[in-house]
C-alpha atoms as a PDB file:
ATOM      1  CA  MET A   1       0.000   0.000   0.000  1.00  0.00           C
ATOM      2  CA  PRO A   2       1.957   3.078  -1.232  1.00  0.00           C
ATOM      3  CA  THR A   3       1.843   6.130   1.023  1.00  0.00           C
ATOM      4  CA  VAL A   4       3.706   9.409   1.185  1.00  0.00           C
ATOM      5  CA  SER A   5       4.256  11.398   4.364  1.00  0.00           C
ATOM      6  CA  VAL A   6       3.810  15.111   3.747  1.00  0.00           C
ATOM      7  CA  ALA A   7       4.254  17.392   6.744  1.00  0.00           C
ATOM      8  CA  ASP A   8       1.976  15.887   9.434  1.00  0.00           C
ATOM      9  CA  THR A   9      -0.115  13.900   6.957  1.00  0.00           C
ATOM     10  CA  LYS A  10       0.183  10.447   5.397  1.00  0.00           C
ATOM     11  CA  LEU A  11      -1.459  10.177   1.968  1.00  0.00           C
ATOM     12  CA  TRP A  12      -2.426   6.911   0.296  1.00  0.00           C
ATOM     13  CA  TYR A  13      -2.073   6.875  -3.504  1.00  0.00           C
ATOM     14  CA  GLU A  14      -1.954   4.556  -6.494  1.00  0.00           C
ATOM     15  CA  VAL A  15      -0.469   5.114  -9.943  1.00  0.00           C
ATOM     16  CA  ALA A  16      -1.504   3.032 -12.961  1.00  0.00           C
ATOM     17  CA  GLY A  17      -1.596   3.210 -16.734  1.00  0.00           C
ATOM     18  CA  ARG A  18       0.633   4.998 -19.197  1.00  0.00           C
ATOM     19  CA  GLY A  19       0.665   8.346 -20.944  1.00  0.00           C
ATOM     20  CA  ASP A  20       0.234  11.873 -19.620  1.00  0.00           C
ATOM     21  CA  PRO A  21       0.013  12.019 -15.795  1.00  0.00           C
ATOM     22  CA  THR A  22      -3.537  12.656 -14.590  1.00  0.00           C
ATOM     23  CA  VAL A  23      -4.742  13.039 -10.993  1.00  0.00           C
ATOM     24  CA  PHE A  24      -8.294  12.541  -9.739  1.00  0.00           C
ATOM     25  CA  VAL A  25      -9.428  14.716  -6.809  1.00  0.00           C
ATOM     26  CA  HIS A  26     -12.481  13.370  -5.007  1.00  0.00           C
ATOM     27  CA  GLY A  27     -15.140  15.485  -3.345  1.00  0.00           C
ATOM     28  CA  SER A  28     -16.533  15.487   0.182  1.00  0.00           C
ATOM     29  CA  LEU A  29     -18.169  12.498   1.898  1.00  0.00           C
ATOM     30  CA  VAL A  30     -16.406  10.014  -0.439  1.00  0.00           C
ATOM     31  CA  ASP A  31     -12.906   8.705  -1.110  1.00  0.00           C
ATOM     32  CA  HIS A  32     -10.794   7.704  -4.129  1.00  0.00           C
ATOM     33  CA  THR A  33     -12.913   4.628  -4.890  1.00  0.00           C
ATOM     34  CA  THR A  34     -15.574   6.759  -6.593  1.00  0.00           C
ATOM     35  CA  TRP A  35     -13.108   7.259  -9.477  1.00  0.00           C
ATOM     36  CA  GLU A  36     -12.337   3.577 -10.046  1.00  0.00           C
ATOM     37  CA  ARG A  37     -14.354   2.955 -13.216  1.00  0.00           C
ATOM     38  CA  VAL A  38     -13.194   6.204 -14.837  1.00  0.00           C
ATOM     39  CA  ARG A  39      -9.600   5.505 -13.829  1.00  0.00           C
ATOM     40  CA  ARG A  40      -9.729   2.070 -15.445  1.00  0.00           C
ATOM     41  CA  GLY A  41     -11.280   3.507 -18.576  1.00  0.00           C
ATOM     42  CA  LEU A  42      -8.598   6.164 -19.005  1.00  0.00           C
ATOM     43  CA  ALA A  43      -5.605   4.043 -17.942  1.00  0.00           C
ATOM     44  CA  PRO A  44      -4.869   2.838 -21.511  1.00  0.00           C
ATOM     45  CA  SER A  45      -4.297   6.468 -22.585  1.00  0.00           C
ATOM     46  CA  LEU A  46      -3.210   8.211 -19.376  1.00  0.00           C
ATOM     47  CA  GLN A  47      -1.006   7.578 -16.383  1.00  0.00           C
ATOM     48  CA  THR A  48      -3.590   7.854 -13.633  1.00  0.00           C
ATOM     49  CA  LEU A  49      -3.066   8.860 -10.018  1.00  0.00           C
ATOM     50  CA  VAL A  50      -5.819   8.346  -7.464  1.00  0.00           C
ATOM     51  CA  TYR A  51      -5.350   9.278  -3.827  1.00  0.00           C
ATOM     52  CA  ASP A  52      -7.299   9.823  -0.637  1.00  0.00           C
ATOM     53  CA  ARG A  53      -7.352  13.362   0.657  1.00  0.00           C
ATOM     54  CA  ARG A  54      -6.349  13.951   4.263  1.00  0.00           C
ATOM     55  CA  GLY A  55      -8.722  12.196   6.657  1.00  0.00           C
ATOM     56  CA  TYR A  56     -10.406  10.152   3.906  1.00  0.00           C
ATOM     57  CA  GLY A  57     -10.021   6.482   3.079  1.00  0.00           C
ATOM     58  CA  THR A  58      -6.692   5.244   4.375  1.00  0.00           C
ATOM     59  CA  SER A  59      -5.017   8.673   4.435  1.00  0.00           C
ATOM     60  CA  SER A  60      -4.439  10.173   7.850  1.00  0.00           C
ATOM     61  CA  GLY A  61      -3.788  13.634   9.165  1.00  0.00           C
ATOM     62  CA  PRO A  62      -5.142  16.265  11.526  1.00  0.00           C
ATOM     63  CA  HIS A  63      -8.048  18.541  10.819  1.00  0.00           C
ATOM     64  CA  ARG A  64      -7.258  21.478   8.568  1.00  0.00           C
ATOM     65  CA  VAL A  65      -7.105  25.163   9.430  1.00  0.00           C
ATOM     66  CA  HIS A  66      -7.700  26.245   5.823  1.00  0.00           C
ATOM     67  CA  PRO A  67      -9.097  23.123   4.135  1.00  0.00           C
ATOM     68  CA  VAL A  68      -8.819  24.141   0.474  1.00  0.00           C
ATOM     69  CA  ARG A  69      -5.272  25.475   0.756  1.00  0.00           C
ATOM     70  CA  ASP A  70      -4.206  22.635   3.037  1.00  0.00           C
ATOM     71  CA  ASP A  71      -5.584  20.028   0.638  1.00  0.00           C
ATOM     72  CA  ALA A  72      -3.961  21.741  -2.355  1.00  0.00           C
ATOM     73  CA  GLY A  73      -0.680  21.847  -0.429  1.00  0.00           C
ATOM     74  CA  ASP A  74      -0.995  18.145   0.370  1.00  0.00           C
ATOM     75  CA  LEU A  75      -1.522  17.358  -3.301  1.00  0.00           C
ATOM     76  CA  SER A  76       1.409  19.481  -4.471  1.00  0.00           C
ATOM     77  CA  ARG A  77       3.698  17.784  -1.961  1.00  0.00           C
ATOM     78  CA  LEU A  78       2.454  14.368  -3.098  1.00  0.00           C
ATOM     79  CA  LEU A  79       3.186  15.218  -6.730  1.00  0.00           C
ATOM     80  CA  ASP A  80       6.604  16.510  -5.731  1.00  0.00           C
ATOM     81  CA  ALA A  81       7.376  13.412  -3.674  1.00  0.00           C
ATOM     82  CA  ILE A  82       6.575  10.967  -6.471  1.00  0.00           C
ATOM     83  CA  ASP A  83       7.885  13.296  -9.214  1.00  0.00           C
ATOM     84  CA  LEU A  84       4.666  13.165 -11.231  1.00  0.00           C
ATOM     85  CA  TYR A  85       3.876  16.479 -12.886  1.00  0.00           C
ATOM     86  CA  PRO A  86       2.691  18.434 -14.796  1.00  0.00           C
ATOM     87  CA  VAL A  87      -0.675  16.698 -14.523  1.00  0.00           C
ATOM     88  CA  HIS A  88      -4.153  16.899 -15.918  1.00  0.00           C
ATOM     89  CA  VAL A  89      -6.462  17.403 -12.928  1.00  0.00           C
ATOM     90  CA  ILE A  90      -9.933  15.841 -12.897  1.00  0.00           C
ATOM     91  CA  ALA A  91     -11.905  17.086  -9.887  1.00  0.00           C
ATOM     92  CA  HIS A  92     -15.420  16.746  -8.518  1.00  0.00           C
ATOM     93  CA  SER A  93     -17.531  18.940  -6.208  1.00  0.00           C
ATOM     94  CA  TYR A  94     -15.375  20.261  -3.316  1.00  0.00           C
ATOM     95  CA  GLY A  95     -12.375  18.772  -5.118  1.00  0.00           C
ATOM     96  CA  VAL A  96     -12.802  21.485  -7.771  1.00  0.00           C
ATOM     97  CA  ALA A  97     -11.705  24.100  -5.231  1.00  0.00           C
ATOM     98  CA  VAL A  98      -8.611  22.017  -4.474  1.00  0.00           C
ATOM     99  CA  GLY A  99      -7.747  21.661  -8.165  1.00  0.00           C
ATOM    100  CA  LEU A 100      -8.143  25.376  -8.846  1.00  0.00           C
ATOM    101  CA  ARG A 101      -6.024  26.251  -5.811  1.00  0.00           C
ATOM    102  CA  LEU A 102      -3.275  23.894  -6.973  1.00  0.00           C
ATOM    103  CA  ALA A 103      -3.309  25.517 -10.425  1.00  0.00           C
ATOM    104  CA  ALA A 104      -3.086  28.987  -8.854  1.00  0.00           C
ATOM    105  CA  ASP A 105      -0.325  28.143  -6.370  1.00  0.00           C
ATOM    106  CA  ARG A 106       1.720  25.755  -8.507  1.00  0.00           C
ATOM    107  CA  PRO A 107       0.915  26.526 -12.156  1.00  0.00           C
ATOM    108  CA  GLU A 108       3.907  24.529 -13.327  1.00  0.00           C
ATOM    109  CA  MET A 109       2.205  21.412 -11.993  1.00  0.00           C
ATOM    110  CA  VAL A 110      -1.084  21.610 -13.936  1.00  0.00           C
ATOM    111  CA  ARG A 111      -1.580  21.105 -17.674  1.00  0.00           C
ATOM    112  CA  SER A 112      -5.381  21.176 -17.782  1.00  0.00           C
ATOM    113  CA  LEU A 113      -8.437  20.985 -15.526  1.00  0.00           C
ATOM    114  CA  VAL A 114     -11.671  19.012 -15.775  1.00  0.00           C
ATOM    115  CA  LEU A 115     -14.094  20.352 -13.146  1.00  0.00           C
ATOM    116  CA  HIS A 116     -17.503  18.829 -12.441  1.00  0.00           C
ATOM    117  CA  GLU A 117     -20.102  20.776 -10.453  1.00  0.00           C
ATOM    118  CA  PRO A 118     -18.235  22.798  -7.842  1.00  0.00           C
ATOM    119  CA  LEU A 119     -20.111  24.098  -4.818  1.00  0.00           C
ATOM    120  CA  PHE A 120     -19.123  27.697  -5.559  1.00  0.00           C
ATOM    121  CA  VAL A 121     -22.487  29.132  -4.504  1.00  0.00           C
ATOM    122  CA  GLY A 122     -20.716  32.419  -3.760  1.00  0.00           C
ATOM    123  CA  LEU A 123     -20.466  33.018  -7.521  1.00  0.00           C
ATOM    124  CA  LEU A 124     -24.237  33.500  -7.535  1.00  0.00           C
ATOM    125  CA  GLU A 125     -23.978  36.393  -5.084  1.00  0.00           C
ATOM    126  CA  ASP A 126     -22.623  38.813  -7.690  1.00  0.00           C
ATOM    127  CA  ASP A 127     -25.771  38.695  -9.836  1.00  0.00           C
ATOM    128  CA  PRO A 128     -28.856  40.380  -8.300  1.00  0.00           C
ATOM    129  CA  ALA A 129     -31.037  37.769 -10.009  1.00  0.00           C
ATOM    130  CA  THR A 130     -29.356  34.858  -8.213  1.00  0.00           C
ATOM    131  CA  ALA A 131     -28.163  36.555  -5.015  1.00  0.00           C
ATOM    132  CA  PRO A 132     -31.293  35.523  -3.024  1.00  0.00           C
ATOM    133  CA  GLU A 133     -30.700  31.926  -4.077  1.00  0.00           C
ATOM    134  CA  ALA A 134     -27.093  32.152  -2.877  1.00  0.00           C
ATOM    135  CA  ASP A 135     -28.313  33.443   0.482  1.00  0.00           C
ATOM    136  CA  ARG A 136     -30.709  30.492   0.823  1.00  0.00           C
ATOM    137  CA  LEU A 137     -27.995  28.013  -0.078  1.00  0.00           C
ATOM    138  CA  ARG A 138     -25.568  29.487   2.426  1.00  0.00           C
ATOM    139  CA  GLN A 139     -28.246  29.387   5.117  1.00  0.00           C
ATOM    140  CA  GLY A 140     -28.804  25.733   4.355  1.00  0.00           C
ATOM    141  CA  MET A 141     -25.090  25.055   4.727  1.00  0.00           C
ATOM    142  CA  ARG A 142     -25.066  26.798   8.093  1.00  0.00           C
ATOM    143  CA  GLU A 143     -28.001  24.648   9.215  1.00  0.00           C
ATOM    144  CA  MET A 144     -26.184  21.501   8.133  1.00  0.00           C
ATOM    145  CA  GLN A 145     -23.055  22.505  10.011  1.00  0.00           C
ATOM    146  CA  SER A 146     -25.117  23.305  13.102  1.00  0.00           C
ATOM    147  CA  LEU A 147     -26.518  19.775  12.981  1.00  0.00           C
ATOM    148  CA  VAL A 148     -22.995  18.348  12.856  1.00  0.00           C
ATOM    149  CA  ARG A 149     -21.925  20.452  15.821  1.00  0.00           C
ATOM    150  CA  SER A 150     -24.959  19.143  17.697  1.00  0.00           C
ATOM    151  CA  SER A 151     -23.917  15.527  16.981  1.00  0.00           C
ATOM    152  CA  ARG A 152     -26.834  15.056  14.605  1.00  0.00           C
ATOM    153  CA  GLN A 153     -24.674  13.703  11.799  1.00  0.00           C
ATOM    154  CA  GLU A 154     -27.337  11.631  10.090  1.00  0.00           C
ATOM    155  CA  GLU A 155     -29.681  14.606   9.802  1.00  0.00           C
ATOM    156  CA  ALA A 156     -26.864  16.673   8.322  1.00  0.00           C
ATOM    157  CA  ALA A 157     -25.919  13.920   5.876  1.00  0.00           C
ATOM    158  CA  ARG A 158     -29.543  13.583   4.809  1.00  0.00           C
ATOM    159  CA  MET A 159     -29.733  17.324   4.058  1.00  0.00           C
ATOM    160  CA  VAL A 160     -26.507  17.261   2.044  1.00  0.00           C
ATOM    161  CA  VAL A 161     -27.432  14.216  -0.037  1.00  0.00           C
ATOM    162  CA  ASP A 162     -30.988  15.413  -0.652  1.00  0.00           C
ATOM    163  CA  ALA A 163     -29.730  18.843  -1.757  1.00  0.00           C
ATOM    164  CA  LEU A 164     -27.392  17.333  -4.370  1.00  0.00           C
ATOM    165  CA  SER A 165     -29.571  14.476  -5.595  1.00  0.00           C
ATOM    166  CA  SER A 166     -31.274  14.234  -8.967  1.00  0.00           C
ATOM    167  CA  GLU A 167     -34.422  12.810  -7.367  1.00  0.00           C
ATOM    168  CA  GLU A 168     -36.403  13.584  -4.235  1.00  0.00           C
ATOM    169  CA  ARG A 169     -35.447  11.798  -1.017  1.00  0.00           C
ATOM    170  CA  GLY A 170     -31.963  11.032  -2.258  1.00  0.00           C
ATOM    171  CA  TRP A 171     -30.809   9.869   1.168  1.00  0.00           C
ATOM    172  CA  ASP A 172     -33.597   7.294   1.431  1.00  0.00           C
ATOM    173  CA  ARG A 173     -32.659   5.947  -2.007  1.00  0.00           C
ATOM    174  CA  THR A 174     -29.034   5.494  -0.933  1.00  0.00           C
ATOM    175  CA  SER A 175     -27.937   2.032   0.160  1.00  0.00           C
ATOM    176  CA  PRO A 176     -27.168   1.461   3.863  1.00  0.00           C
ATOM    177  CA  GLU A 177     -23.541   0.725   2.957  1.00  0.00           C
ATOM    178  CA  VAL A 178     -23.131   4.078   1.203  1.00  0.00           C
ATOM    179  CA  GLN A 179     -24.977   5.856   4.020  1.00  0.00           C
ATOM    180  CA  ARG A 180     -22.490   4.457   6.534  1.00  0.00           C
ATOM    181  CA  ALA A 181     -19.576   5.593   4.364  1.00  0.00           C
ATOM    182  CA  ILE A 182     -21.020   9.095   4.083  1.00  0.00           C
ATOM    183  CA  LEU A 183     -21.597   9.349   7.825  1.00  0.00           C
ATOM    184  CA  ARG A 184     -17.939   8.502   8.376  1.00  0.00           C
ATOM    185  CA  TYR A 185     -16.937  11.749   6.673  1.00  0.00           C
ATOM    186  CA  VAL A 186     -19.623  14.221   7.754  1.00  0.00           C
ATOM    187  CA  ASP A 187     -17.300  15.936  10.240  1.00  0.00           C
ATOM    188  CA  ARG A 188     -14.717  16.471   7.497  1.00  0.00           C
ATOM    189  CA  TRP A 189     -17.408  17.833   5.193  1.00  0.00           C
ATOM    190  CA  SER A 190     -18.476  20.326   7.855  1.00  0.00           C
ATOM    191  CA  GLU A 191     -14.907  21.513   8.141  1.00  0.00           C
ATOM    192  CA  GLU A 192     -14.546  21.861   4.367  1.00  0.00           C
ATOM    193  CA  ILE A 193     -17.779  23.616   3.527  1.00  0.00           C
ATOM    194  CA  MET A 194     -17.178  26.468   5.969  1.00  0.00           C
ATOM    195  CA  ASP A 195     -13.908  27.392   4.295  1.00  0.00           C
ATOM    196  CA  PRO A 196     -14.790  30.563   2.305  1.00  0.00           C
ATOM    197  CA  GLU A 197     -12.657  29.337  -0.582  1.00  0.00           C
ATOM    198  CA  ALA A 198     -14.744  26.159  -0.844  1.00  0.00           C
ATOM    199  CA  THR A 199     -17.787  28.199  -1.834  1.00  0.00           C
ATOM    200  CA  LYS A 200     -16.174  31.080  -3.720  1.00  0.00           C
ATOM    201  CA  PRO A 201     -12.771  31.005  -5.434  1.00  0.00           C
ATOM    202  CA  GLU A 202     -10.470  34.004  -5.336  1.00  0.00           C
ATOM    203  CA  SER A 203     -10.903  36.237  -8.373  1.00  0.00           C
ATOM    204  CA  ALA A 204      -7.158  36.154  -9.058  1.00  0.00           C
ATOM    205  CA  ALA A 205      -7.221  32.351  -9.163  1.00  0.00           C
ATOM    206  CA  LEU A 206      -9.740  32.571 -12.005  1.00  0.00           C
ATOM    207  CA  ASN A 207      -8.474  35.627 -13.871  1.00  0.00           C
ATOM    208  CA  ASP A 208      -4.875  34.427 -14.101  1.00  0.00           C
ATOM    209  CA  LEU A 209      -5.677  30.888 -15.240  1.00  0.00           C
ATOM    210  CA  LEU A 210      -4.768  30.351 -18.900  1.00  0.00           C
ATOM    211  CA  ILE A 211      -4.646  26.551 -19.192  1.00  0.00           C
ATOM    212  CA  PRO A 212      -7.489  24.626 -20.871  1.00  0.00           C
ATOM    213  CA  VAL A 213     -10.426  23.987 -18.526  1.00  0.00           C
ATOM    214  CA  LEU A 214     -13.475  21.797 -19.064  1.00  0.00           C
ATOM    215  CA  VAL A 215     -16.375  22.677 -16.748  1.00  0.00           C
ATOM    216  CA  THR A 216     -19.210  20.160 -16.666  1.00  0.00           C
ATOM    217  CA  THR A 217     -22.644  19.829 -15.139  1.00  0.00           C
ATOM    218  CA  GLY A 218     -25.161  16.996 -15.082  1.00  0.00           C
ATOM    219  CA  GLU A 219     -28.437  17.533 -16.915  1.00  0.00           C
ATOM    220  CA  ARG A 220     -30.358  15.970 -14.014  1.00  0.00           C
ATOM    221  CA  SER A 221     -28.536  17.843 -11.248  1.00  0.00           C
ATOM    222  CA  PRO A 222     -30.318  20.488  -9.164  1.00  0.00           C
ATOM    223  CA  PRO A 223     -30.599  23.733 -11.167  1.00  0.00           C
ATOM    224  CA  PHE A 224     -28.371  25.724  -8.806  1.00  0.00           C
ATOM    225  CA  LEU A 225     -25.452  23.472  -9.740  1.00  0.00           C
ATOM    226  CA  HIS A 226     -26.030  24.271 -13.424  1.00  0.00           C
ATOM    227  CA  ARG A 227     -25.947  27.990 -12.675  1.00  0.00           C
ATOM    228  CA  VAL A 228     -22.808  27.716 -10.558  1.00  0.00           C
ATOM    229  CA  ALA A 229     -20.967  25.697 -13.200  1.00  0.00           C
ATOM    230  CA  ALA A 230     -21.989  28.145 -15.934  1.00  0.00           C
ATOM    231  CA  GLN A 231     -20.815  31.083 -13.814  1.00  0.00           C
ATOM    232  CA  LEU A 232     -17.452  29.422 -13.254  1.00  0.00           C
ATOM    233  CA  ALA A 233     -16.972  28.678 -16.952  1.00  0.00           C
ATOM    234  CA  GLY A 234     -17.879  32.253 -17.828  1.00  0.00           C
ATOM    235  CA  ARG A 235     -15.181  33.658 -15.562  1.00  0.00           C
ATOM    236  CA  LEU A 236     -12.358  31.548 -16.950  1.00  0.00           C
ATOM    237  CA  ARG A 237     -10.405  32.676 -20.007  1.00  0.00           C
ATOM    238  CA  ASN A 238      -9.911  29.283 -21.621  1.00  0.00           C
ATOM    239  CA  ALA A 239     -12.952  27.270 -20.560  1.00  0.00           C
ATOM    240  CA  THR A 240     -15.284  24.886 -22.334  1.00  0.00           C
ATOM    241  CA  PHE A 241     -18.701  24.269 -20.757  1.00  0.00           C
ATOM    242  CA  ARG A 242     -20.617  21.027 -21.260  1.00  0.00           C
ATOM    243  CA  SER A 243     -23.837  19.556 -19.865  1.00  0.00           C
ATOM    244  CA  LEU A 244     -23.871  15.762 -19.590  1.00  0.00           C
ATOM    245  CA  PRO A 245     -27.263  14.304 -20.598  1.00  0.00           C
ATOM    246  CA  GLY A 246     -29.061  11.919 -18.309  1.00  0.00           C
ATOM    247  CA  VAL A 247     -26.744  12.224 -15.306  1.00  0.00           C
ATOM    248  CA  GLY A 248     -26.516  14.164 -12.060  1.00  0.00           C
ATOM    249  CA  HIS A 249     -23.878  15.216  -9.564  1.00  0.00           C
ATOM    250  CA  VAL A 250     -21.759  12.054  -9.779  1.00  0.00           C
ATOM    251  CA  PRO A 251     -21.446  11.066 -13.475  1.00  0.00           C
ATOM    252  CA  HIS A 252     -18.270   9.079 -12.843  1.00  0.00           C
ATOM    253  CA  LEU A 253     -20.447   6.620 -10.909  1.00  0.00           C
ATOM    254  CA  SER A 254     -23.766   6.818 -12.769  1.00  0.00           C
ATOM    255  CA  ASP A 255     -22.420   6.924 -16.356  1.00  0.00           C
ATOM    256  CA  PRO A 256     -18.628   6.494 -16.369  1.00  0.00           C
ATOM    257  CA  ASP A 257     -18.460   5.690 -20.085  1.00  0.00           C
ATOM    258  CA  GLN A 258     -19.989   9.039 -21.012  1.00  0.00           C
ATOM    259  CA  PHE A 259     -17.658  10.855 -18.639  1.00  0.00           C
ATOM    260  CA  ILE A 260     -14.605   9.010 -20.002  1.00  0.00           C
ATOM    261  CA  ALA A 261     -15.538   9.884 -23.586  1.00  0.00           C
ATOM    262  CA  LEU A 262     -16.018  13.549 -22.714  1.00  0.00           C
ATOM    263  CA  VAL A 263     -12.688  13.832 -20.890  1.00  0.00           C
ATOM    264  CA  HIS A 264     -10.801  12.047 -23.664  1.00  0.00           C
ATOM    265  CA  GLY A 265     -12.435  14.195 -26.325  1.00  0.00           C
ATOM    266  CA  PHE A 266     -11.638  17.396 -24.440  1.00  0.00           C
ATOM    267  CA  LEU A 267      -7.951  16.577 -24.206  1.00  0.00           C
ATOM    268  CA  VAL A 268      -7.741  15.655 -27.894  1.00  0.00           C
ATOM    269  CA  GLU A 269      -9.705  18.715 -29.067  1.00  0.00           C
ATOM    270  CA  ARG A 270      -7.588  21.084 -27.033  1.00  0.00           C
ATOM    271  CA  ALA A 271      -4.403  19.628 -28.548  1.00  0.00           C
ATOM    272  CA  VAL A 272      -3.208  18.098 -25.296  1.00  0.00           C
ATOM    273  CA  PRO A 273      -1.419  15.053 -26.731  1.00  0.00           C
ATOM    274  CA  PHE A 274      -1.317  11.596 -25.265  1.00  0.00           C
ATOM    275  CA  THR A 275       2.158  10.123 -25.010  1.00  0.00           C
END
């Protein structure tokens, strides 16, 4: 089981495949295993790196003071330690904030970004038409965190899953095994979501980014995620925006073949060669 010790953290990782190095950054409430089918599908063309962020899966480490920056720092030190960069970064949900922060702090490490449905609800605050929606979403996040602080983890997890689900009562439709896995990480999610940079990226991090970026959203995802993804794509200089038909917030689980085809096509179209 390969691990790398970075500062006070031990990160589990696995490298497979051949071609251009590509790292997958998982979101909150899950670990690296959510990427497995996409990783296998891309391994013939790419050298893939999956890892567990601090406190997830088999990676260890203390709680973070500044989650997004701490996670981006962990990833940069991992890439340094195994000498695997520049990389294509494929990131999901909260992981999008980590990928963008890595590109801003260590631009020499990142060749391109694929970003699916970030939780950047703060981007909606700048438009008077969507500002009330942003306020409601932030209030909901505060309520979820209050539940966690009150040791009502299952209620918080239910709110999170229901808010991101394509169908009503998403938590009730989730298997008991997945529910238990989610509950394991609720405290980490609470820590992450209250980091201001998890819900609104720095303007400089967006304005200075020149590398190719693919921003995606799921056709069946809640509408606020569509609006957030579109806002993010509109603020990046070199972004392509795509909606994936028939899927929601986690296309790499619900329709990995479609996601694989989109990622591969993006890299080819943007003249990012496979080696």
